[in-house]
Amino acid sequence: MPRKARIDAPGALHHVIIRGIERKKIFRSDYDRKNFIDRLAKLIPETQTDCFAWALIPNHTHLLLRTGLTPISDLMRRLLTGYSVWFNKKYQRHGQLFQNRYKSILCQENPYLNELVRYIHLNPLRAKLVENMKELDRYPWCGHSVVMNHTNQEWQNIDYIYGLFADQKRQARKKYREFVKKGISEGKKPDLTGGGLLRSIGGWTVLKGLHKSGIRIKGDERILGDSDFVDNVLKSAKEALEEKYELKAKGYDFDRVLVRVAEVMSMEVDQVMASGKSPQTVKARSLLCFWAHRKLRMTTVEIARRLNMSQSTISRLSMKGEKIEKENRFNLI
């Protein structure tokens, strides 16, 4: 059976799980962990992705991310490709470093965000990398120590986490720690990492009870949330996919979009593709990047290659292009 396509959208919350192939280590030293963190420190701000929680375990990693300028798949490709090439060169090894493709679960923010932050930040304790909460508070390879103000990672969005517990940081930090500590006695929570419909609804007992009552619940292994949330996510994903294929069926490719941009901007195609930084040219290129990326679903890598620009520049222009489309009521078709 072919694997299902990833689901994503601006503002979507993802629990990402990365595992080493054959459960082998993906971090052999603190130097390795620092290299991975340095890559996150560059990519998270560059893509304007929110990172709420993270934990590095020797053979796997957890990240809690909210999609920003670019799809999570683009960020993860750059992160994992770059790190695996570096790791293989350092240790003179060949072949895959990670187990298949990473796992990404699109999550309903309320009521799961708190639970996911706690689950992810307790991983070092469950893996026996630390012995107690006091050690976890200062463990540098987990976002918990950042929330507790013992380590500093500017790319981690801790203010949002504080806001979930209290208005004042000191009080929020105290309540957050109490919340995390309570999670220790709950043990592992497979409902947060796998199981699709079972995960979303609360297990077989609940599911069977609903079926007996004649209630049918929508589920998908890529999504953590209630039935309405799952249904809405799948509907939005389907609409985006249908738009992409509708455009392709009508002959829209990068060159056709380029012509359309020149048309709505009252410019020549050569002006849109010019390397200058005149306001009109930048505006046109921004609209081109937005339509190519978000309508045709081209990757930032493909667009960057066509425009001879960096991926980060394409991401920024795409965001500007979205505003330009709305402000001017431009239509691709």
Protein backbone atom coordinates (compact mmCIF):
# COMPACT_ATOMS: atom_id res chain seq x y z
CA MET A 1 0.00 0.00 0.00
CA PRO A 2 1.50 3.41 -0.95
CA ARG A 3 2.22 5.67 1.99
CA LYS A 4 -0.07 8.62 2.46
CA ALA A 5 1.07 12.14 1.61
CA ARG A 6 2.01 14.44 4.47
CA ILE A 7 -0.54 17.01 5.53
CA ASP A 8 0.52 20.56 6.30
CA ALA A 9 -0.69 24.15 6.31
CA PRO A 10 0.51 27.49 7.72
CA GLY A 11 -0.05 27.44 11.49
CA ALA A 12 -0.37 23.63 11.72
CA LEU A 13 1.04 21.96 14.84
CA HIS A 14 3.26 18.90 14.27
CA HIS A 15 4.74 16.29 16.60
CA VAL A 16 7.81 15.15 14.66
CA ILE A 17 9.66 11.95 15.60
CA ILE A 18 13.04 11.12 14.02
CA ARG A 19 14.55 7.68 14.61
CA GLY A 20 17.95 6.21 13.79
CA ILE A 21 17.98 3.33 11.34
CA GLU A 22 17.82 -0.05 13.13
CA ARG A 23 17.52 1.96 16.36
CA LYS A 24 21.17 2.96 16.08
CA LYS A 25 22.51 6.16 17.59
CA ILE A 26 22.11 9.39 15.65
CA PHE A 27 24.07 11.25 18.36
CA ARG A 28 27.34 9.76 19.59
CA SER A 29 28.61 12.81 21.45
CA ASP A 30 27.67 16.24 22.74
CA TYR A 31 29.47 17.63 19.70
CA ASP A 32 26.97 15.81 17.48
CA ARG A 33 24.06 17.16 19.51
CA LYS A 34 25.45 20.68 19.29
CA ASN A 35 25.74 20.39 15.51
CA PHE A 36 22.09 19.32 15.27
CA ILE A 37 21.02 22.18 17.57
CA ASP A 38 23.05 24.70 15.56
CA ARG A 39 21.15 23.62 12.45
CA LEU A 40 17.82 24.10 14.22
CA ALA A 41 18.99 27.49 15.48
CA LYS A 42 19.49 28.56 11.87
CA LEU A 43 16.46 26.92 10.23
CA ILE A 44 13.75 27.68 12.83
CA PRO A 45 14.08 31.51 12.63
CA GLU A 46 14.79 31.43 8.89
CA THR A 47 11.52 29.64 8.15
CA GLN A 48 9.65 31.42 10.97
CA THR A 49 8.68 28.04 12.38
CA ASP A 50 7.65 27.88 16.04
CA CYS A 51 9.36 25.22 18.15
CA PHE A 52 7.60 24.64 21.48
CA ALA A 53 9.35 21.47 22.69
CA TRP A 54 12.25 19.21 21.76
CA ALA A 55 14.37 16.41 23.16
CA LEU A 56 17.49 14.71 21.80
CA ILE A 57 17.81 11.03 22.75
CA PRO A 58 20.82 9.02 21.51
CA ASN A 59 18.80 7.10 18.88
CA HIS A 60 15.83 9.39 18.28
CA THR A 61 14.54 12.94 18.54
CA HIS A 62 11.21 14.62 19.25
CA LEU A 63 10.20 18.09 18.00
CA LEU A 64 6.95 20.01 18.49
CA LEU A 65 6.70 22.49 15.62
CA ARG A 66 4.18 24.92 14.19
CA THR A 67 4.44 25.54 10.45
CA GLY A 68 5.67 28.98 9.52
CA LEU A 69 6.78 30.33 6.13
CA THR A 70 7.69 26.98 4.62
CA PRO A 71 6.18 23.50 4.95
CA ILE A 72 7.56 21.34 7.75
CA SER A 73 8.71 18.87 5.07
CA ASP A 74 11.06 21.51 3.60
CA LEU A 75 12.53 22.36 7.00
CA MET A 76 13.00 18.68 7.89
CA ARG A 77 14.59 17.85 4.55
CA ARG A 78 17.18 20.58 4.99
CA LEU A 79 17.78 19.65 8.65
CA LEU A 80 18.11 15.89 8.18
CA THR A 81 19.98 15.93 4.87
CA GLY A 82 22.52 18.41 6.16
CA TYR A 83 23.05 16.59 9.44
CA SER A 84 23.29 13.09 7.92
CA VAL A 85 25.88 14.21 5.36
CA TRP A 86 27.92 15.82 8.15
CA PHE A 87 27.52 12.78 10.45
CA ASN A 88 28.52 10.27 7.77
CA LYS A 89 31.58 12.28 6.84
CA LYS A 90 32.64 12.67 10.47
CA TYR A 91 32.31 8.97 11.29
CA GLN A 92 33.36 7.73 7.85
CA ARG A 93 30.15 5.79 7.37
CA HIS A 94 27.86 5.29 4.37
CA GLY A 95 24.15 4.75 3.85
CA GLN A 96 21.05 5.92 5.66
CA LEU A 97 21.28 7.45 9.10
CA PHE A 98 17.56 7.77 9.78
CA GLN A 99 14.83 5.12 9.80
CA ASN A 100 12.79 5.61 6.62
CA ARG A 101 11.17 9.02 6.61
CA TYR A 102 10.50 10.84 9.87
CA LYS A 103 7.09 10.55 11.49
CA SER A 104 4.95 13.69 11.55
CA ILE A 105 1.60 13.86 13.34
CA LEU A 106 -0.54 16.94 12.70
CA CYS A 107 -2.07 17.81 16.08
CA GLN A 108 -5.10 19.69 17.31
CA GLU A 109 -3.64 22.43 19.49
CA ASN A 110 -6.37 22.37 22.12
CA PRO A 111 -6.28 20.10 24.13
CA TYR A 112 -3.02 18.44 23.02
CA LEU A 113 -0.32 21.13 23.06
CA ASN A 114 0.25 21.04 26.85
CA GLU A 115 0.27 17.25 26.86
CA LEU A 116 2.73 17.06 23.97
CA VAL A 117 5.13 19.55 25.54
CA ARG A 118 5.12 17.49 28.74
CA TYR A 119 5.44 14.17 26.91
CA ILE A 120 8.40 15.37 24.82
CA HIS A 121 10.21 17.07 27.69
CA LEU A 122 9.96 13.97 29.90
CA ASN A 123 11.73 11.82 27.30
CA PRO A 124 15.24 12.16 28.81
CA LEU A 125 13.85 11.00 32.17
CA ARG A 126 12.03 8.04 30.63
CA ALA A 127 15.21 7.14 28.71
CA LYS A 128 17.18 7.30 32.00
CA LEU A 129 19.50 9.99 30.66
CA VAL A 130 18.69 11.88 33.88
CA GLU A 131 17.56 10.43 37.21
CA ASN A 132 15.09 13.01 38.49
CA MET A 133 13.36 16.33 37.84
CA LYS A 134 16.24 18.31 39.33
CA GLU A 135 18.63 16.84 36.75
CA LEU A 136 16.06 17.27 33.97
CA ASP A 137 15.77 20.97 34.87
CA ARG A 138 19.41 21.43 33.82
CA TYR A 139 19.70 18.81 31.07
CA PRO A 140 20.99 20.86 28.09
CA TRP A 141 19.69 18.61 25.29
CA CYS A 142 16.00 19.10 25.98
CA GLY A 143 13.68 22.10 25.74
CA HIS A 144 12.61 21.68 29.37
CA SER A 145 15.84 23.27 30.61
CA VAL A 146 15.14 26.27 28.36
CA VAL A 147 11.65 26.73 29.83
CA MET A 148 13.21 26.44 33.31
CA ASN A 149 15.68 29.21 32.34
CA HIS A 150 18.80 27.08 32.92
CA THR A 151 19.87 27.02 29.28
CA ASN A 152 19.23 29.49 26.49
CA GLN A 153 17.96 28.66 23.01
CA GLU A 154 16.51 31.78 21.41
CA TRP A 155 14.86 29.76 18.65
CA GLN A 156 12.57 27.95 21.12
CA ASN A 157 9.25 29.74 21.72
CA ILE A 158 9.02 29.57 25.51
CA ASP A 159 6.88 32.70 25.91
CA TYR A 160 3.97 30.92 24.26
CA ILE A 161 4.40 28.01 26.71
CA TYR A 162 4.51 30.40 29.67
CA GLY A 163 1.27 31.94 28.45
CA LEU A 164 -0.46 28.58 28.77
CA PHE A 165 0.15 28.55 32.53
CA ALA A 166 0.21 32.14 33.87
CA ASP A 167 0.78 35.78 32.93
CA GLN A 168 3.92 36.21 35.04
CA LYS A 169 6.97 34.23 33.92
CA ARG A 170 8.03 33.13 37.41
CA GLN A 171 4.56 31.84 38.25
CA ALA A 172 4.17 30.27 34.80
CA ARG A 173 7.50 28.47 35.19
CA LYS A 174 6.45 27.09 38.57
CA LYS A 175 3.07 25.86 37.30
CA TYR A 176 4.67 24.40 34.18
CA ARG A 177 7.17 22.41 36.28
CA GLU A 178 4.39 21.08 38.50
CA PHE A 179 2.47 20.02 35.39
CA VAL A 180 5.50 18.21 33.96
CA LYS A 181 6.26 16.51 37.29
CA LYS A 182 2.72 15.12 37.48
CA GLY A 183 3.32 13.44 34.13
CA ILE A 184 6.07 11.20 35.53
CA SER A 185 3.59 8.91 37.29
CA GLU A 186 1.51 8.59 34.11
CA GLY A 187 4.28 6.69 32.33
CA LYS A 188 4.58 6.37 28.55
CA LYS A 189 1.66 7.69 26.51
CA PRO A 190 1.44 5.81 23.19
CA ASP A 191 -1.77 7.74 22.45
CA LEU A 192 0.44 10.76 21.68
CA THR A 193 2.76 8.99 19.23
CA GLY A 194 0.75 6.48 17.23
CA GLY A 195 -2.53 4.74 16.62
CA GLY A 196 -4.48 7.17 14.45
CA LEU A 197 -8.14 6.94 15.38
CA LEU A 198 -7.37 5.04 18.58
CA ARG A 199 -4.94 7.74 19.58
CA SER A 200 -7.43 10.52 18.92
CA ILE A 201 -10.44 8.93 20.57
CA GLY A 202 -8.88 7.39 23.67
CA GLY A 203 -8.45 3.65 22.99
CA TRP A 204 -10.42 0.58 21.98
CA THR A 205 -12.83 0.71 24.91
CA VAL A 206 -14.06 4.19 24.04
CA LEU A 207 -14.13 3.41 20.33
CA LYS A 208 -16.16 0.21 20.78
CA GLY A 209 -18.62 2.04 23.01
CA LEU A 210 -19.17 4.70 20.36
CA HIS A 211 -19.64 2.07 17.64
CA LYS A 212 -22.25 0.27 19.73
CA SER A 213 -24.10 3.57 20.05
CA GLY A 214 -24.10 3.94 16.28
CA ILE A 215 -21.54 6.76 16.32
CA ARG A 216 -18.84 6.70 13.63
CA ILE A 217 -15.67 8.69 14.23
CA LYS A 218 -13.35 10.05 11.55
CA GLY A 219 -9.71 9.02 12.04
CA ASP A 220 -6.35 9.22 10.28
CA GLU A 221 -2.96 8.01 11.55
CA ARG A 222 -1.35 11.28 10.43
CA ILE A 223 -3.60 13.40 12.66
CA LEU A 224 -4.11 13.76 16.42
CA GLY A 225 -7.45 15.41 17.20
CA ASP A 226 -11.19 14.98 17.51
CA SER A 227 -13.39 13.86 14.62
CA ASP A 228 -14.30 17.38 13.44
CA PHE A 229 -10.65 18.45 13.47
CA VAL A 230 -9.60 15.37 11.48
CA ASP A 231 -12.43 15.93 9.00
CA ASN A 232 -11.57 19.62 8.50
CA VAL A 233 -7.86 18.91 8.05
CA LEU A 234 -8.53 16.22 5.45
CA LYS A 235 -11.00 18.46 3.64
CA SER A 236 -8.52 21.36 3.48
CA ALA A 237 -5.76 19.03 2.28
CA LYS A 238 -8.04 17.64 -0.41
CA GLU A 239 -9.00 21.14 -1.58
CA ALA A 240 -5.34 22.18 -1.81
CA LEU A 241 -4.52 19.01 -3.75
CA GLU A 242 -7.47 19.49 -6.09
CA GLU A 243 -6.42 23.09 -6.77
CA LYS A 244 -2.91 21.94 -7.64
CA TYR A 245 -4.15 19.35 -10.15
CA GLU A 246 -6.76 21.71 -11.55
CA LEU A 247 -4.04 24.23 -12.34
CA LYS A 248 -1.86 21.56 -13.92
CA ALA A 249 -4.81 20.31 -15.99
CA LYS A 250 -5.26 23.84 -17.31
CA GLY A 251 -1.61 23.98 -18.32
CA TYR A 252 -0.29 26.08 -15.46
CA ASP A 253 3.39 25.52 -14.79
CA PHE A 254 6.11 27.91 -13.60
CA ASP A 255 6.40 29.64 -16.99
CA ARG A 256 2.64 30.09 -17.29
CA VAL A 257 2.49 31.57 -13.78
CA LEU A 258 5.37 33.88 -14.70
CA VAL A 259 3.41 35.19 -17.67
CA ARG A 260 0.35 35.72 -15.47
CA VAL A 261 2.39 37.67 -12.90
CA ALA A 262 3.75 39.93 -15.64
CA GLU A 263 0.20 40.43 -16.88
CA VAL A 264 -1.37 41.46 -13.54
CA MET A 265 1.64 43.64 -12.69
CA SER A 266 1.63 45.33 -16.13
CA MET A 267 5.26 44.34 -16.67
CA GLU A 268 7.34 42.43 -19.18
CA VAL A 269 8.40 38.88 -18.28
CA ASP A 270 12.06 39.92 -18.44
CA GLN A 271 11.38 42.62 -15.84
CA VAL A 272 9.87 40.09 -13.44
CA MET A 273 12.93 37.84 -13.82
CA ALA A 274 15.41 40.72 -13.61
CA SER A 275 17.98 40.58 -10.82
CA GLY A 276 17.41 44.18 -9.78
CA LYS A 277 15.80 45.27 -6.51
CA SER A 278 13.36 47.87 -7.74
CA PRO A 279 10.14 47.87 -5.67
CA GLN A 280 8.03 46.77 -8.65
CA THR A 281 10.35 43.89 -9.53
CA VAL A 282 10.52 42.67 -5.92
CA LYS A 283 6.73 42.88 -5.69
CA ALA A 284 6.31 40.84 -8.88
CA ARG A 285 8.84 38.22 -7.82
CA SER A 286 7.11 37.93 -4.45
CA LEU A 287 3.79 37.20 -6.14
CA LEU A 288 5.53 34.71 -8.46
CA CYS A 289 7.06 32.86 -5.49
CA PHE A 290 3.74 32.74 -3.65
CA TRP A 291 1.76 31.39 -6.60
CA ALA A 292 4.45 28.88 -7.58
CA HIS A 293 4.93 27.65 -4.01
CA ARG A 294 1.43 27.72 -2.58
CA LYS A 295 -0.71 27.23 -5.69
CA LEU A 296 1.42 24.97 -7.89
CA ARG A 297 2.92 23.33 -4.76
CA MET A 298 6.45 23.66 -6.12
CA THR A 299 9.14 23.23 -3.48
CA THR A 300 11.30 26.17 -2.42
CA VAL A 301 14.26 24.24 -3.84
CA GLU A 302 12.68 24.11 -7.31
CA ILE A 303 11.75 27.81 -7.25
CA ALA A 304 15.17 28.82 -5.89
CA ARG A 305 16.80 26.97 -8.78
CA ARG A 306 14.61 28.75 -11.33
CA LEU A 307 15.24 32.19 -9.84
CA ASN A 308 18.86 31.60 -8.82
CA MET A 309 18.09 32.57 -5.22
CA SER A 310 18.42 30.94 -1.81
CA GLN A 311 15.59 28.94 -0.25
CA SER A 312 15.30 31.39 2.62
CA THR A 313 14.81 34.26 0.15
CA ILE A 314 12.08 32.30 -1.65
CA SER A 315 10.32 31.70 1.67
CA ARG A 316 10.38 35.40 2.57
CA LEU A 317 9.18 36.45 -0.88
CA SER A 318 6.36 33.91 -0.77
CA MET A 319 5.08 35.40 2.47
CA LYS A 320 5.18 38.89 0.94
CA GLY A 321 3.45 37.57 -2.16
CA GLU A 322 0.49 36.32 -0.11
CA LYS A 323 -0.07 39.83 1.25
CA ILE A 324 0.30 41.35 -2.22
CA GLU A 325 -2.33 38.96 -3.63
CA LYS A 326 -4.83 39.84 -0.89
CA GLU A 327 -4.21 43.58 -0.91
CA ASN A 328 -4.56 43.83 -4.70
CA ARG A 329 -7.14 41.06 -5.11
CA PHE A 330 -5.01 39.38 -7.77
CA ASN A 331 -6.14 36.01 -9.14
CA LEU A 332 -3.90 33.41 -10.71
CA ILE A 333 -6.68 32.25 -13.05
